[in-house]
C-alpha cells in the first residue's frame, strides 16, 4: 500500500470541496471518500487503488433510516447490519434484508455502508492482479478475462472491453425495489434512478457509475411497497456462506386472482451491473401464475445472454434460480 493523506471532513460541503479537486479520468481516483472501507482498503493493499488522499466520512450525519408514507429513506452511511435488521425493512422490504444478510460476514456487514455497497467494485481476478491487463483498471490495456478464467464473470451487458460482474447483493435488491440514489456535488444536488446509476462497460469500463469527481451520495430512497407485494432474494453460490453469487434473483411480485398483476425482477452474478429484467417483468404481468409462466419469464430474462468459454452454465443456472425465486415468492402467505 502506498502512503496517503487522511483528512476528516467536518461536513458534507467540506468533503465535496476536497474530492472535487481530483483531476483524473477514473472518477476522482486521486482523492477518495472512505467510510467503512471494506472494499477500498482491500484494493489499496493490492495497489489497484492508489489515492493520494482519503476523505473520512464516518462522522458525518448520514446514518439515519426514516420511514414515511412516501417510502423509506436510507442514509449513505447506514451500516449494512443496521439496514438488514431494521424492523421496517424486514417487514416491508424483505428482499433487501435477505440480500444484505446473504452477503459477506457479520463483521463486514457491521462496517460496510449503503453508499459503499452501491459503489462496490468487481471481484474479477484480473482487475485485482496488477500484473495482468485490465481495461477497468488501466484503460486500453485489454481484458485478460475474455480469454482467461471467466467462470464467475458476466453473461449479460458485456462488451469486448470488459466482462466483469457487479458483485453486490444489495444492489440487486435495490434494483428490484426501484431505488433512487441522491447525490450532492459541486454542481448541486440530483436524484438518479438506480437503473441509470450503474453504467454498462461499453468502450469505457473504467467508468462504472454516473458520479463525477466531488459527488457525494447522501442517501437512497425506496418507494412505498405495492399493496400485497411479496418478495424473495435467492442466491446460488459455490459454498453456503461468505461467497459471492454465481447467480441470484430478487423478485417482487403482486398476485391477484391467481394472476401476476405486478412484477419487478433483478438478477445478480450474471450482469456487468445489477441486472433489472424488463423482459421477464413483461412476460409475467397479467398472466396466470405457475411454473410454465415462470419458465417463459426466465427464458425472456436470459435471451440476450452472451456466455464466455467457462461460464455457459450460468445461463441455465440463472433460469432455474429465477423460476425457484418466483415459486417461493408466489407461495408466500
Protein backbone atom coordinates (compact mmCIF):
# COMPACT_ATOMS: atom_id res chain seq x y z
CA UNK A 1 0.00 0.00 0.00
CA UNK A 2 1.31 3.43 -0.93
CA UNK A 3 1.31 6.28 1.56
CA UNK A 4 -1.64 8.67 1.51
CA UNK A 5 -3.02 11.69 3.34
CA UNK A 6 -6.08 11.19 5.53
CA UNK A 7 -8.41 14.06 6.39
CA UNK A 8 -11.70 14.04 8.28
CA UNK A 9 -14.49 16.10 6.77
CA UNK A 10 -16.37 18.34 9.20
CA UNK A 11 -19.46 18.38 6.97
CA UNK A 12 -20.68 17.37 3.52
CA UNK A 13 -19.64 20.64 1.91
CA UNK A 14 -16.05 20.23 3.08
CA UNK A 15 -15.97 16.64 1.81
CA UNK A 16 -17.30 17.65 -1.61
CA UNK A 17 -14.82 20.52 -1.93
CA UNK A 18 -11.92 18.23 -1.08
CA UNK A 19 -12.92 15.47 -3.51
CA UNK A 20 -13.72 17.89 -6.33
CA UNK A 21 -10.00 18.68 -6.58
CA UNK A 22 -9.44 15.30 -8.26
CA UNK A 23 -8.43 15.56 -11.91
CA UNK A 24 -8.02 12.01 -13.23
CA UNK A 25 -10.43 10.42 -15.69
CA UNK A 26 -11.15 7.50 -13.38
CA UNK A 27 -13.85 9.26 -11.37
CA UNK A 28 -11.59 11.03 -8.93
CA UNK A 29 -9.13 8.23 -8.23
CA UNK A 30 -6.60 10.63 -6.71
CA UNK A 31 -8.96 11.58 -3.87
CA UNK A 32 -11.42 9.07 -2.48
CA UNK A 33 -14.12 9.09 0.15
CA UNK A 34 -13.86 6.44 2.87
CA UNK A 35 -16.46 5.33 5.43
CA UNK A 36 -16.42 1.61 6.23
CA UNK A 37 -13.51 0.98 3.86
CA UNK A 38 -14.35 -2.71 3.43
CA UNK A 39 -13.62 -2.66 -0.33
CA UNK A 40 -11.39 0.38 -0.73
CA UNK A 41 -8.76 -0.69 1.79
CA UNK A 42 -8.52 -4.15 0.21
CA UNK A 43 -7.89 -2.58 -3.19
CA UNK A 44 -5.33 -0.16 -1.74
CA UNK A 45 -3.39 -3.08 -0.23
CA UNK A 46 -3.27 -4.64 -3.70
CA UNK A 47 -2.23 -1.30 -5.29
CA UNK A 48 -5.30 -1.45 -7.50
CA UNK A 49 -6.46 1.78 -5.88
CA UNK A 50 -3.70 4.31 -5.17
CA UNK A 51 -5.38 7.51 -3.95
CA UNK A 52 -3.15 10.33 -2.74
CA UNK A 53 -5.78 11.47 -0.26
CA UNK A 54 -8.66 9.88 1.65
CA UNK A 55 -11.54 11.96 2.98
CA UNK A 56 -13.12 10.28 6.01
CA UNK A 57 -16.93 10.49 6.06
CA UNK A 58 -17.53 8.25 9.04
CA UNK A 59 -18.54 11.08 11.39
CA UNK A 60 -20.95 12.82 9.04
CA UNK A 61 -24.68 12.57 9.93
CA UNK A 62 -25.53 10.17 7.10
CA UNK A 63 -26.63 7.15 9.12
CA UNK A 64 -30.38 7.60 9.55
CA UNK A 65 -33.18 5.30 8.35
CA UNK A 66 -36.54 7.06 8.10
CA UNK A 67 -39.86 5.51 7.14
CA UNK A 68 -42.77 7.66 5.94
CA UNK A 69 -45.87 7.34 3.77
CA UNK A 70 -43.63 8.30 0.84
CA UNK A 71 -41.39 5.28 1.37
CA UNK A 72 -38.04 4.68 3.04
CA UNK A 73 -35.00 6.98 3.26
CA UNK A 74 -31.65 5.28 3.86
CA UNK A 75 -28.63 7.41 4.75
CA UNK A 76 -25.44 6.79 2.78
CA UNK A 77 -23.58 5.90 5.98
CA UNK A 78 -26.10 3.34 7.26
CA UNK A 79 -24.29 0.11 8.07
CA UNK A 80 -25.45 -3.00 6.25
CA UNK A 81 -26.29 -4.78 9.50
CA UNK A 82 -28.44 -1.91 10.75
CA UNK A 83 -30.30 -1.79 7.46
CA UNK A 84 -30.82 -5.56 7.26
CA UNK A 85 -32.27 -5.78 10.77
CA UNK A 86 -34.35 -2.60 10.71
CA UNK A 87 -37.96 -3.61 11.50
CA UNK A 88 -39.47 -1.68 8.59
CA UNK A 89 -37.00 -3.22 6.15
CA UNK A 90 -37.67 -6.73 7.44
CA UNK A 91 -41.44 -6.25 7.25
CA UNK A 92 -41.97 -4.19 4.10
CA UNK A 93 -38.75 -4.63 2.09
CA UNK A 94 -37.84 -8.22 2.96
CA UNK A 95 -35.95 -8.76 -0.29
CA UNK A 96 -33.45 -6.10 0.77
CA UNK A 97 -32.93 -7.60 4.23
CA UNK A 98 -32.45 -11.07 2.72
CA UNK A 99 -29.95 -9.77 0.18
CA UNK A 100 -27.87 -7.98 2.78
CA UNK A 101 -27.80 -10.96 5.13
CA UNK A 102 -26.69 -13.26 2.31
CA UNK A 103 -23.57 -11.19 1.67
CA UNK A 104 -20.18 -11.17 3.38
CA UNK A 105 -19.73 -11.89 7.08
CA UNK A 106 -21.29 -10.31 10.14
CA UNK A 107 -18.06 -8.41 10.79
CA UNK A 108 -18.08 -6.89 7.29
CA UNK A 109 -21.79 -6.06 7.47
CA UNK A 110 -21.13 -4.19 10.71
CA UNK A 111 -18.69 -1.91 8.85
CA UNK A 112 -19.92 -1.72 5.25
CA UNK A 113 -22.18 1.20 4.35
CA UNK A 114 -25.04 1.74 1.95
CA UNK A 115 -23.08 4.10 -0.32
CA UNK A 116 -20.02 1.86 -0.22
CA UNK A 117 -22.15 -1.08 -1.31
CA UNK A 118 -23.63 0.93 -4.16
CA UNK A 119 -20.06 1.63 -5.30
CA UNK A 120 -18.69 -1.86 -4.64
CA UNK A 121 -16.16 -2.81 -7.29
CA UNK A 122 -15.84 -6.06 -9.19
CA UNK A 123 -14.29 -9.27 -7.86
CA UNK A 124 -12.70 -10.12 -11.24
CA UNK A 125 -9.29 -11.67 -10.53
CA UNK A 126 -7.68 -9.74 -13.38
CA UNK A 127 -8.90 -6.43 -12.00
CA UNK A 128 -7.19 -7.27 -8.71
CA UNK A 129 -3.94 -8.57 -10.24
CA UNK A 130 -1.97 -5.51 -11.26
CA UNK A 131 0.45 -7.56 -13.35
CA UNK A 132 -2.40 -8.56 -15.69
CA UNK A 133 -4.13 -6.42 -18.35
CA UNK A 134 -7.50 -4.98 -17.31
CA UNK A 135 -9.37 -2.22 -19.13
CA UNK A 136 -11.31 -1.36 -15.98
CA UNK A 137 -8.11 -0.74 -14.03
CA UNK A 138 -5.94 0.53 -16.91
CA UNK A 139 -7.98 1.64 -19.94
CA UNK A 140 -6.65 0.32 -23.23
CA UNK A 141 -4.59 -2.50 -21.72
CA UNK A 142 -7.03 -5.26 -22.73
CA UNK A 143 -9.34 -7.71 -20.96
CA UNK A 144 -7.50 -10.84 -19.88
CA UNK A 145 -10.73 -12.43 -18.64
CA UNK A 146 -12.21 -12.86 -22.11
CA UNK A 147 -9.61 -15.50 -22.99
CA UNK A 148 -8.78 -16.44 -19.40
CA UNK A 149 -10.52 -17.59 -16.22
CA UNK A 150 -14.07 -16.29 -16.64
CA UNK A 151 -16.22 -18.86 -14.82
CA UNK A 152 -17.58 -16.34 -12.31
CA UNK A 153 -17.98 -13.41 -14.70
CA UNK A 154 -20.85 -11.77 -16.55
CA UNK A 155 -23.05 -13.08 -19.35
CA UNK A 156 -25.30 -10.00 -19.67
CA UNK A 157 -24.29 -6.45 -20.54
CA UNK A 158 -20.74 -7.39 -21.52
CA UNK A 159 -18.58 -5.81 -24.21
CA UNK A 160 -15.35 -6.66 -25.98
CA UNK A 161 -13.61 -4.48 -23.41
CA UNK A 162 -14.97 -5.96 -20.14
CA UNK A 163 -16.97 -8.92 -18.81
CA UNK A 164 -16.63 -8.20 -15.06
CA UNK A 165 -19.67 -8.64 -12.82
CA UNK A 166 -21.12 -6.24 -10.29
CA UNK A 167 -20.72 -8.30 -7.08
CA UNK A 168 -23.20 -6.59 -4.73
CA UNK A 169 -26.20 -8.45 -3.34
CA UNK A 170 -27.71 -5.23 -2.00
CA UNK A 171 -27.65 -3.60 -5.44
CA UNK A 172 -29.72 -6.40 -6.95
CA UNK A 173 -32.44 -5.95 -4.32
CA UNK A 174 -32.26 -2.18 -4.70
CA UNK A 175 -32.79 -2.57 -8.46
CA UNK A 176 -35.91 -4.70 -7.92
CA UNK A 177 -37.19 -2.15 -5.38
CA UNK A 178 -36.58 0.73 -7.83
CA UNK A 179 -34.37 2.72 -5.51
CA UNK A 180 -33.35 6.30 -6.22
CA UNK A 181 -29.82 7.46 -5.40
CA UNK A 182 -29.46 11.03 -4.13
CA UNK A 183 -26.20 12.83 -4.82
CA UNK A 184 -24.74 16.17 -3.78
CA UNK A 185 -21.77 17.63 -5.63
CA UNK A 186 -20.02 20.83 -6.66
CA UNK A 187 -22.77 21.40 -9.26
CA UNK A 188 -25.63 20.91 -6.81
CA UNK A 189 -27.97 18.05 -5.97
CA UNK A 190 -29.54 15.44 -8.22
CA UNK A 191 -31.51 12.22 -7.97
CA UNK A 192 -30.60 9.18 -10.07
CA UNK A 193 -32.78 6.08 -10.55
CA UNK A 194 -30.69 3.02 -9.73
CA UNK A 195 -31.40 1.67 -13.23
CA UNK A 196 -29.33 4.59 -14.57
CA UNK A 197 -26.79 4.87 -11.75
CA UNK A 198 -24.56 1.95 -12.82
CA UNK A 199 -23.15 2.03 -16.34
CA UNK A 200 -22.56 -0.75 -18.84
CA UNK A 201 -18.87 -1.19 -19.69
CA UNK A 202 -19.15 -0.48 -23.41
CA UNK A 203 -15.90 1.13 -24.53
CA UNK A 204 -15.28 2.78 -21.14
CA UNK A 205 -15.35 0.05 -18.47
CA UNK A 206 -13.28 2.24 -16.13
CA UNK A 207 -16.39 4.42 -15.67
CA UNK A 208 -18.78 2.40 -13.52
CA UNK A 209 -21.37 4.97 -12.36
CA UNK A 210 -22.74 8.40 -13.25
CA UNK A 211 -20.81 10.00 -10.37
CA UNK A 212 -18.38 12.82 -11.13
CA UNK A 213 -15.34 13.84 -9.03
CA UNK A 214 -16.64 15.51 -5.88
CA UNK A 215 -20.04 13.81 -5.97
CA UNK A 216 -21.18 12.52 -2.59
CA UNK A 217 -24.01 10.02 -2.19
CA UNK A 218 -26.14 11.38 0.66
CA UNK A 219 -28.97 8.85 0.78
CA UNK A 220 -31.12 6.40 -1.13
CA UNK A 221 -34.90 6.27 -1.19
CA UNK A 222 -37.29 3.39 -1.79
CA UNK A 223 -40.90 3.94 -2.87
CA UNK A 224 -43.70 2.54 -0.70
CA UNK A 225 -44.19 -1.19 -1.28
CA UNK A 226 -47.06 -2.09 -3.58
CA UNK A 227 -50.12 -3.35 -1.73
CA UNK A 228 -49.91 -7.10 -1.29
CA UNK A 229 -46.39 -7.36 -2.73
CA UNK A 230 -44.36 -10.47 -1.90
CA UNK A 231 -40.60 -10.60 -2.27
CA UNK A 232 -37.69 -13.04 -2.20
CA UNK A 233 -33.94 -12.89 -2.66
CA UNK A 234 -32.42 -16.18 -3.75
CA UNK A 235 -28.65 -16.56 -4.04
CA UNK A 236 -26.80 -19.53 -5.55
CA UNK A 237 -23.07 -19.84 -4.84
CA UNK A 238 -20.22 -22.32 -4.63
CA UNK A 239 -20.41 -22.56 -0.84
CA UNK A 240 -23.07 -21.77 1.71
CA UNK A 241 -21.57 -18.64 3.28
CA UNK A 242 -19.10 -15.80 2.75
CA UNK A 243 -19.23 -16.22 -1.01
CA UNK A 244 -20.23 -14.07 -3.95
CA UNK A 245 -23.18 -15.14 -6.09
CA UNK A 246 -22.77 -17.29 -9.15
CA UNK A 247 -26.32 -16.16 -9.85
CA UNK A 248 -29.00 -14.53 -7.72
CA UNK A 249 -32.54 -13.27 -8.19
CA UNK A 250 -34.50 -10.51 -6.46
CA UNK A 251 -38.22 -10.92 -7.05
CA UNK A 252 -41.04 -8.55 -6.01
CA UNK A 253 -44.47 -9.66 -7.22
CA UNK A 254 -48.13 -8.95 -6.56
CA UNK A 255 -50.73 -11.67 -7.14
CA UNK A 256 -54.47 -11.15 -7.51
CA UNK A 257 -57.00 -13.84 -8.50
CA UNK A 258 -54.18 -16.17 -9.42
CA UNK A 259 -52.56 -13.69 -11.81
CA UNK A 260 -49.34 -11.72 -11.55
CA UNK A 261 -50.53 -8.10 -11.59
CA UNK A 262 -47.12 -6.53 -10.98
CA UNK A 263 -43.55 -7.86 -11.15
CA UNK A 264 -40.12 -6.42 -10.54
CA UNK A 265 -37.20 -8.72 -11.35
CA UNK A 266 -33.45 -8.22 -10.95
CA UNK A 267 -30.58 -10.66 -11.35
CA UNK A 268 -27.14 -10.75 -9.75
CA UNK A 269 -23.92 -12.58 -10.56
CA UNK A 270 -24.70 -12.51 -14.28
CA UNK A 271 -24.55 -8.84 -15.26
CA UNK A 272 -21.94 -6.15 -15.56
CA UNK A 273 -24.38 -4.05 -13.50
CA UNK A 274 -27.30 -5.02 -11.22
CA UNK A 275 -29.49 -6.56 -13.91
CA UNK A 276 -33.11 -5.40 -13.96
CA UNK A 277 -35.04 -7.64 -16.36
CA UNK A 278 -37.82 -5.70 -18.03
CA UNK A 279 -38.27 -8.68 -20.36
CA UNK A 280 -39.10 -11.05 -17.51
CA UNK A 281 -41.44 -8.50 -15.96
CA UNK A 282 -43.35 -8.06 -19.24
CA UNK A 283 -43.67 -11.83 -19.64
CA UNK A 284 -45.13 -12.17 -16.14
CA UNK A 285 -47.56 -9.27 -15.97
CA UNK A 286 -51.28 -10.10 -16.20
CA UNK A 287 -50.59 -13.79 -16.67
CA UNK A 288 -51.70 -16.77 -14.58
CA UNK A 289 -49.00 -17.61 -12.04
CA UNK A 290 -47.41 -21.01 -12.39
CA UNK A 291 -44.29 -22.87 -13.38
CA UNK A 292 -44.95 -22.63 -17.12
CA UNK A 293 -45.22 -18.84 -16.86
CA UNK A 294 -42.15 -18.63 -14.67
CA UNK A 295 -40.18 -20.64 -17.20
CA UNK A 296 -41.20 -18.28 -20.01
CA UNK A 297 -40.15 -15.32 -17.90
CA UNK A 298 -36.77 -16.92 -17.20
CA UNK A 299 -36.23 -17.60 -20.90
CA UNK A 300 -37.01 -13.95 -21.64
CA UNK A 301 -34.60 -12.75 -18.94
CA UNK A 302 -31.66 -14.73 -20.35
CA UNK A 303 -32.42 -14.42 -24.07
CA UNK A 304 -29.62 -11.90 -24.63
CA UNK A 305 -27.02 -13.79 -22.57
CA UNK A 306 -23.57 -13.99 -24.11
CA UNK A 307 -21.57 -16.58 -22.16
CA UNK A 308 -17.81 -16.92 -22.33
CA UNK A 309 -15.68 -20.06 -22.55
CA UNK A 310 -16.17 -21.15 -18.92
CA UNK A 311 -19.47 -19.65 -17.73
CA UNK A 312 -22.08 -21.03 -20.12
CA UNK A 313 -23.60 -22.95 -17.19
CA UNK A 314 -24.78 -19.63 -15.77
CA UNK A 315 -27.49 -19.35 -18.42
CA UNK A 316 -29.40 -22.41 -17.21
CA UNK A 317 -28.48 -21.79 -13.57
CA UNK A 318 -29.90 -18.26 -13.72
CA UNK A 319 -33.12 -19.52 -15.29
CA UNK A 320 -33.57 -22.11 -12.56
CA UNK A 321 -32.75 -19.55 -9.87
CA UNK A 322 -35.38 -17.14 -11.16
CA UNK A 323 -38.02 -19.84 -11.55
CA UNK A 324 -37.48 -21.04 -7.99
CA UNK A 325 -37.46 -17.49 -6.60
CA UNK A 326 -40.79 -16.83 -8.32
CA UNK A 327 -42.21 -20.03 -6.85
CA UNK A 328 -41.09 -19.03 -3.37
CA UNK A 329 -42.47 -15.51 -3.70
CA UNK A 330 -45.86 -16.59 -5.02
CA UNK A 331 -46.24 -19.25 -2.33
CA UNK A 332 -45.83 -16.72 0.48
CA UNK A 333 -48.93 -16.06 2.56
